[in-house]
Amino acid sequence: MKNFISVNDVADINALVQKAIAYKAHPLKDIALGTHKRIGLLFLNPSLRTRLSTQIAAANLGMEAIVFNMDKEGWKLELEDGAIMDGTTVEHIKDAAPILGSYFDILCVRTFPSLLNRDDDYNEVLLSRLIEYAGLPIVSLESATLHPLQSLTDIITITENFKEVRKPKIVLTWAPHIKPIPQCVSNSFAQWINAWGEADFTITHPEGYELGEQYTAGATITHNQQQALADADFVYVKNWSSYQDYGKVLTENPKWMLTNKHLSVTNHAKVMHCLPVRRNVELSDEILDGPQSLVSQQGANRVWAAQAVISELLKN
């Protein structure tokens, strides 16, 4: 593994999952691996679990972690080649990235989409420029299109909670929200579950919320939520704005919020959400506070996902 941007950077998903589970059992077993090495965490939007879990994971491997809030404390970066920088940008990525590369052994970055121009967001220019100019491994802590550490965490959590010999039925269901939300978590979950290939996977959402086919190909897609939920073993709840009518909220139908009534047709399904969650908008209290919720376990597992990825990059 040279970088960690998407599932395409992972040679063996199950091996990486088992590595994470092994770290969960013995967090400090590789504490010498990162001795005298430094990891940089650059944030262009807020974070709680991603920031803290990555810092803890790095510390478990003996690394020093340095966090920098670029959106609040840094210069506005220019990303375009040949730009005449007589506007609001102060520093070109060509100048900043090599310096960052000299400061750190691994560089992690969290970006965020504008939700205004799909082509600009989905081109992932900042990540590609960092890979091109920084000269060291790059880890995505969430981008405009994907959230690979979250998706690895999700498969870890599913693996821990499903011990039957058959494939689990996993349902990704859209949920209401009060504002436009990116597609990155949903894209990423679909991409990873499809690449994993060890689940019967269904995506359900209202009309107009179809995700990009590059992420969903291989999944069953339906607009009938109750039909999708039938016999489900895991239900992943997430809001996203429209991909086709980019960044738009097309409906706020509260009937899509998951409740125990929705779960009555499932196979006693466990419920997942990446957090933060809008209680009683995206997910009901009765589920979040009930025995079928895995959201706390998911959040805790973020440490082990990050630790498995960082250790792979250090070893390579």
Protein backbone atom coordinates (compact mmCIF):
# COMPACT_ATOMS: atom_id res chain seq x y z
CA MET A 1 0.00 0.00 0.00
CA LYS A 2 1.47 3.34 -1.10
CA ASN A 3 -1.49 5.61 -0.33
CA PHE A 4 -4.91 5.14 1.25
CA ILE A 5 -7.48 7.02 -0.81
CA SER A 6 -10.02 4.32 -1.71
CA VAL A 7 -10.61 0.59 -1.59
CA ASN A 8 -8.51 0.35 -4.77
CA ASP A 9 -5.41 0.89 -2.62
CA VAL A 10 -6.11 -2.29 -0.62
CA ALA A 11 -4.82 -5.61 -1.91
CA ASP A 12 -6.75 -7.78 0.57
CA ILE A 13 -9.70 -6.31 2.49
CA ASN A 14 -10.10 -9.30 4.82
CA ALA A 15 -6.42 -9.28 5.73
CA LEU A 16 -6.60 -5.59 6.62
CA VAL A 17 -9.76 -6.22 8.68
CA GLN A 18 -8.06 -9.00 10.62
CA LYS A 19 -5.05 -6.79 11.21
CA ALA A 20 -7.32 -4.15 12.72
CA ILE A 21 -9.04 -6.73 14.93
CA ALA A 22 -5.62 -7.95 16.10
CA TYR A 23 -4.68 -4.37 17.07
CA LYS A 24 -7.93 -4.10 19.00
CA ALA A 25 -6.83 -7.09 21.08
CA HIS A 26 -3.23 -5.86 21.47
CA PRO A 27 -3.07 -2.10 20.76
CA LEU A 28 0.63 -1.61 21.56
CA LYS A 29 2.12 -4.70 19.96
CA ASP A 30 3.78 -2.61 17.22
CA ILE A 31 4.60 0.47 19.26
CA ALA A 32 8.19 0.48 18.01
CA LEU A 33 7.10 0.53 14.36
CA GLY A 34 6.66 4.30 14.23
CA THR A 35 9.40 5.35 16.62
CA HIS A 36 11.02 8.64 15.52
CA LYS A 37 8.41 9.03 12.75
CA ARG A 38 5.88 11.81 12.35
CA ILE A 39 2.35 11.90 10.93
CA GLY A 40 0.65 15.09 9.80
CA LEU A 41 -3.12 15.54 10.00
CA LEU A 42 -4.46 18.40 7.87
CA PHE A 43 -8.11 19.34 8.32
CA LEU A 44 -10.10 21.55 5.98
CA ASN A 45 -13.37 20.81 7.79
CA PRO A 46 -14.37 19.76 11.33
CA SER A 47 -13.80 16.32 12.77
CA LEU A 48 -14.24 14.44 16.04
CA ARG A 49 -13.80 10.67 15.58
CA THR A 50 -11.48 10.90 12.56
CA ARG A 51 -9.12 13.32 14.25
CA LEU A 52 -8.95 11.63 17.63
CA SER A 53 -8.91 8.04 16.40
CA THR A 54 -6.07 8.74 13.97
CA GLN A 55 -4.03 10.45 16.67
CA ILE A 56 -4.58 7.52 19.03
CA ALA A 57 -3.73 5.01 16.30
CA ALA A 58 -0.50 6.83 15.51
CA ALA A 59 0.44 6.97 19.21
CA ASN A 60 -0.20 3.21 19.51
CA LEU A 61 2.43 2.75 16.79
CA GLY A 62 4.93 5.08 18.49
CA MET A 63 4.44 8.02 16.08
CA GLU A 64 4.23 11.72 16.82
CA ALA A 65 1.03 13.24 15.42
CA ILE A 66 0.75 16.92 14.49
CA VAL A 67 -2.67 18.41 13.70
CA PHE A 68 -3.11 21.52 11.56
CA ASN A 69 -6.47 23.15 10.85
CA MET A 70 -5.82 24.48 7.37
CA ASP A 71 -9.31 25.96 7.03
CA LYS A 72 -8.76 28.24 10.04
CA GLU A 73 -5.01 28.67 10.41
CA GLY A 74 -3.48 28.17 6.97
CA TRP A 75 -3.22 29.97 3.67
CA LYS A 76 -5.79 29.48 0.95
CA LEU A 77 -4.10 27.15 -1.53
CA GLU A 78 -4.04 27.51 -5.30
CA LEU A 79 -4.50 24.15 -7.06
CA GLU A 80 -4.56 25.07 -10.75
CA ASP A 81 -1.43 24.80 -12.89
CA GLY A 82 -0.45 28.03 -14.59
CA ALA A 83 -2.68 30.15 -12.36
CA ILE A 84 -2.05 33.89 -12.11
CA MET A 85 -2.31 34.27 -8.36
CA ASP A 86 -3.71 37.78 -8.14
CA GLY A 87 -6.86 36.75 -6.27
CA THR A 88 -7.65 35.15 -2.91
CA THR A 89 -5.18 32.24 -3.04
CA VAL A 90 -1.89 32.86 -1.22
CA GLU A 91 0.23 29.75 -1.79
CA HIS A 92 0.40 27.22 -4.60
CA ILE A 93 0.09 23.53 -3.80
CA LYS A 94 3.30 22.98 -5.79
CA ASP A 95 5.16 25.05 -3.21
CA ALA A 96 3.37 23.84 -0.08
CA ALA A 97 3.22 20.09 -0.74
CA PRO A 98 6.97 19.35 -1.00
CA ILE A 99 7.56 21.18 2.28
CA LEU A 100 4.86 19.15 3.98
CA GLY A 101 6.50 16.08 2.51
CA SER A 102 9.78 17.02 4.16
CA TYR A 103 8.13 17.50 7.57
CA PHE A 104 6.29 14.18 7.81
CA ASP A 105 6.59 10.47 7.09
CA ILE A 106 2.84 10.12 6.39
CA LEU A 107 0.44 12.94 5.51
CA CYS A 108 -3.30 12.69 6.18
CA VAL A 109 -5.82 15.19 4.83
CA ARG A 110 -9.55 15.79 5.29
CA THR A 111 -11.25 17.80 2.58
CA PHE A 112 -14.87 18.67 1.91
CA PRO A 113 -16.94 19.19 -1.25
CA SER A 114 -18.45 22.53 -2.21
CA LEU A 115 -21.64 20.75 -3.36
CA LEU A 116 -21.80 23.43 -6.06
CA ASN A 117 -19.90 21.90 -8.97
CA ARG A 118 -19.88 18.12 -9.28
CA ASP A 119 -16.95 17.94 -11.69
CA ASP A 120 -14.76 20.08 -9.43
CA ASP A 121 -15.63 18.02 -6.36
CA TYR A 122 -15.34 14.61 -8.00
CA ASN A 123 -11.97 15.40 -9.60
CA GLU A 124 -10.44 15.43 -6.09
CA VAL A 125 -7.81 17.93 -7.17
CA LEU A 126 -6.28 18.54 -3.72
CA LEU A 127 -5.67 14.86 -3.05
CA SER A 128 -4.23 14.24 -6.50
CA ARG A 129 -1.93 17.26 -6.21
CA LEU A 130 -0.68 16.14 -2.79
CA ILE A 131 0.07 12.68 -4.17
CA GLU A 132 1.87 14.27 -7.11
CA TYR A 133 3.98 16.84 -5.24
CA ALA A 134 4.39 15.77 -1.58
CA GLY A 135 6.48 12.66 -2.20
CA LEU A 136 5.16 10.61 0.74
CA PRO A 137 2.17 8.37 1.54
CA ILE A 138 -1.17 10.22 1.59
CA VAL A 139 -4.14 9.07 3.68
CA SER A 140 -7.65 10.37 3.06
CA LEU A 141 -9.40 11.31 6.28
CA GLU A 142 -12.50 11.95 4.12
CA SER A 143 -12.70 13.66 0.78
CA ALA A 144 -15.34 15.12 -1.51
CA THR A 145 -16.22 11.67 -2.84
CA LEU A 146 -15.05 8.98 -0.37
CA HIS A 147 -14.37 8.20 3.30
CA PRO A 148 -12.22 5.03 3.20
CA LEU A 149 -11.27 4.87 6.89
CA GLN A 150 -14.96 4.92 7.80
CA SER A 151 -15.74 2.18 5.28
CA LEU A 152 -12.92 -0.03 6.55
CA THR A 153 -14.29 0.51 10.05
CA ASP A 154 -17.74 -0.51 8.87
CA ILE A 155 -16.51 -3.82 7.47
CA ILE A 156 -14.56 -4.46 10.68
CA THR A 157 -17.76 -3.89 12.68
CA ILE A 158 -19.84 -6.13 10.40
CA THR A 159 -17.19 -8.87 10.62
CA GLU A 160 -17.25 -8.73 14.42
CA ASN A 161 -21.05 -9.00 14.52
CA PHE A 162 -21.78 -11.69 11.92
CA LYS A 163 -20.65 -15.26 12.53
CA GLU A 164 -22.94 -17.26 10.24
CA VAL A 165 -21.56 -19.18 7.27
CA ARG A 166 -23.88 -17.48 4.74
CA LYS A 167 -23.45 -14.00 3.31
CA PRO A 168 -25.11 -11.24 5.36
CA LYS A 169 -27.77 -9.06 3.77
CA ILE A 170 -26.63 -5.44 4.11
CA VAL A 171 -28.90 -2.50 3.31
CA LEU A 172 -27.74 1.09 2.84
CA THR A 173 -30.77 3.32 3.35
CA TRP A 174 -31.13 7.04 2.73
CA ALA A 175 -32.40 9.10 5.66
CA PRO A 176 -33.75 12.65 5.96
CA HIS A 177 -31.58 15.60 7.01
CA ILE A 178 -32.01 19.33 7.54
CA LYS A 179 -29.34 20.38 5.03
CA PRO A 180 -27.45 19.11 1.95
CA ILE A 181 -24.95 16.38 2.87
CA PRO A 182 -22.17 15.01 0.60
CA GLN A 183 -22.32 11.56 -0.97
CA CYS A 184 -18.84 10.59 0.27
CA VAL A 185 -19.76 8.18 3.10
CA SER A 186 -22.46 6.49 1.01
CA ASN A 187 -20.21 6.29 -2.08
CA SER A 188 -17.44 4.82 0.00
CA PHE A 189 -19.60 2.28 1.84
CA ALA A 190 -21.05 1.07 -1.47
CA GLN A 191 -17.60 0.88 -3.07
CA TRP A 192 -16.13 -1.14 -0.20
CA ILE A 193 -19.06 -3.54 0.23
CA ASN A 194 -19.09 -4.25 -3.50
CA ALA A 195 -15.31 -4.77 -3.59
CA TRP A 196 -15.49 -6.97 -0.48
CA GLY A 197 -17.88 -9.27 -2.31
CA GLU A 198 -19.03 -11.08 0.82
CA ALA A 199 -22.53 -9.64 1.22
CA ASP A 200 -25.93 -9.47 -0.41
CA PHE A 201 -26.03 -5.70 -0.83
CA THR A 202 -29.04 -3.44 -1.40
CA ILE A 203 -29.26 0.35 -1.60
CA THR A 204 -32.60 2.08 -1.03
CA HIS A 205 -33.47 5.75 -1.42
CA PRO A 206 -36.18 8.05 -2.79
CA GLU A 207 -36.19 8.80 -6.50
CA GLY A 208 -33.55 11.30 -7.51
CA TYR A 209 -30.96 10.17 -4.98
CA GLU A 210 -29.12 7.67 -7.18
CA LEU A 211 -25.41 7.57 -6.40
CA GLY A 212 -22.71 7.41 -9.06
CA GLU A 213 -22.67 4.05 -10.84
CA GLN A 214 -18.90 3.87 -10.41
CA TYR A 215 -19.59 3.18 -6.71
CA THR A 216 -22.88 1.26 -6.76
CA ALA A 217 -22.41 -1.18 -9.66
CA GLY A 218 -23.15 -4.66 -8.32
CA ALA A 219 -25.68 -3.58 -5.70
CA THR A 220 -29.45 -4.01 -5.89
CA ILE A 221 -31.08 -0.57 -5.95
CA THR A 222 -34.71 0.11 -5.04
CA HIS A 223 -36.95 3.04 -4.06
CA ASN A 224 -39.04 0.77 -1.81
CA GLN A 225 -37.46 0.98 1.63
CA GLN A 226 -39.61 -1.68 3.33
CA GLN A 227 -38.99 -4.12 0.50
CA ALA A 228 -35.25 -3.47 0.78
CA LEU A 229 -35.25 -4.00 4.55
CA ALA A 230 -36.89 -7.43 4.39
CA ASP A 231 -34.60 -10.04 6.01
CA ALA A 232 -31.72 -7.57 6.38
CA ASP A 233 -28.93 -8.45 8.82
CA PHE A 234 -27.37 -4.95 8.85
CA VAL A 235 -28.93 -1.59 8.03
CA TYR A 236 -26.58 1.32 7.36
CA VAL A 237 -28.37 4.65 7.71
CA LYS A 238 -27.03 7.75 5.96
CA ASN A 239 -28.31 10.91 4.34
CA TRP A 240 -26.88 12.24 1.09
CA SER A 241 -27.85 15.00 -1.30
CA SER A 242 -28.61 14.40 -4.97
CA TYR A 243 -25.77 13.34 -7.25
CA GLN A 244 -27.59 14.01 -10.53
CA ASP A 245 -29.16 17.31 -9.42
CA TYR A 246 -25.92 17.95 -7.64
CA GLY A 247 -26.01 19.00 -4.01
CA LYS A 248 -29.78 19.49 -3.95
CA VAL A 249 -32.25 18.28 -1.31
CA LEU A 250 -35.13 16.78 -3.29
CA THR A 251 -37.26 15.52 -0.40
CA GLU A 252 -37.33 15.65 3.39
CA ASN A 253 -39.81 12.78 3.77
CA PRO A 254 -39.76 11.88 7.50
CA LYS A 255 -41.15 8.41 6.72
CA TRP A 256 -37.62 7.41 5.66
CA MET A 257 -36.31 7.88 9.23
CA LEU A 258 -35.61 4.41 10.61
CA THR A 259 -37.72 3.25 13.56
CA ASN A 260 -38.36 -0.08 15.25
CA LYS A 261 -41.42 -0.46 13.03
CA HIS A 262 -39.16 -0.38 9.98
CA LEU A 263 -36.93 -3.03 11.56
CA SER A 264 -39.80 -5.43 12.16
CA VAL A 265 -39.33 -6.93 8.67
CA THR A 266 -35.57 -7.44 9.11
CA ASN A 267 -33.64 -10.39 10.51
CA HIS A 268 -33.20 -8.58 13.84
CA ALA A 269 -30.90 -6.28 11.92
CA LYS A 270 -28.07 -4.39 13.55
CA VAL A 271 -28.16 -0.67 12.74
CA MET A 272 -25.11 1.37 11.73
CA HIS A 273 -24.37 5.06 11.23
CA CYS A 274 -21.01 6.82 10.84
CA LEU A 275 -21.89 9.69 13.26
CA PRO A 276 -22.55 12.50 13.92
CA VAL A 277 -26.27 11.74 13.69
CA ARG A 278 -29.29 14.05 13.92
CA ARG A 279 -31.44 12.23 16.46
CA ASN A 280 -35.10 11.87 15.53
CA VAL A 281 -34.35 13.25 12.06
CA GLU A 282 -32.02 10.63 10.56
CA LEU A 283 -32.46 7.98 13.22
CA SER A 284 -34.94 7.56 16.06
CA ASP A 285 -33.94 7.54 19.72
CA GLU A 286 -35.51 4.10 20.12
CA ILE A 287 -32.99 2.62 17.70
CA LEU A 288 -29.94 4.62 18.73
CA ASP A 289 -30.52 3.79 22.41
CA GLY A 290 -31.67 0.26 21.73
CA PRO A 291 -29.93 -3.13 21.59
CA GLN A 292 -29.69 -3.24 17.80
CA SER A 293 -27.50 -0.13 17.48
CA LEU A 294 -23.83 -0.59 16.58
CA VAL A 295 -22.96 3.11 16.29
CA SER A 296 -20.83 3.24 19.46
CA GLN A 297 -18.90 0.15 18.44
CA GLN A 298 -18.36 1.65 14.98
CA GLY A 299 -16.98 4.85 16.49
CA ALA A 300 -14.62 2.95 18.78
CA ASN A 301 -13.40 0.80 15.88
CA ARG A 302 -12.17 3.87 14.02
CA VAL A 303 -8.92 3.61 16.04
CA TRP A 304 -8.17 0.09 14.82
CA ALA A 305 -8.98 0.85 11.20
CA ALA A 306 -6.58 3.80 11.25
CA GLN A 307 -3.90 1.79 13.06
CA ALA A 308 -4.06 -1.03 10.51
CA VAL A 309 -3.73 1.42 7.61
CA ILE A 310 -0.90 3.45 9.16
CA SER A 311 1.07 0.32 10.02
CA GLU A 312 0.76 -0.94 6.43
CA LEU A 313 2.10 2.38 5.13
CA LEU A 314 4.97 2.36 7.63
CA LYS A 315 5.97 -1.16 6.68
CA ASN A 316 5.98 -0.28 3.01
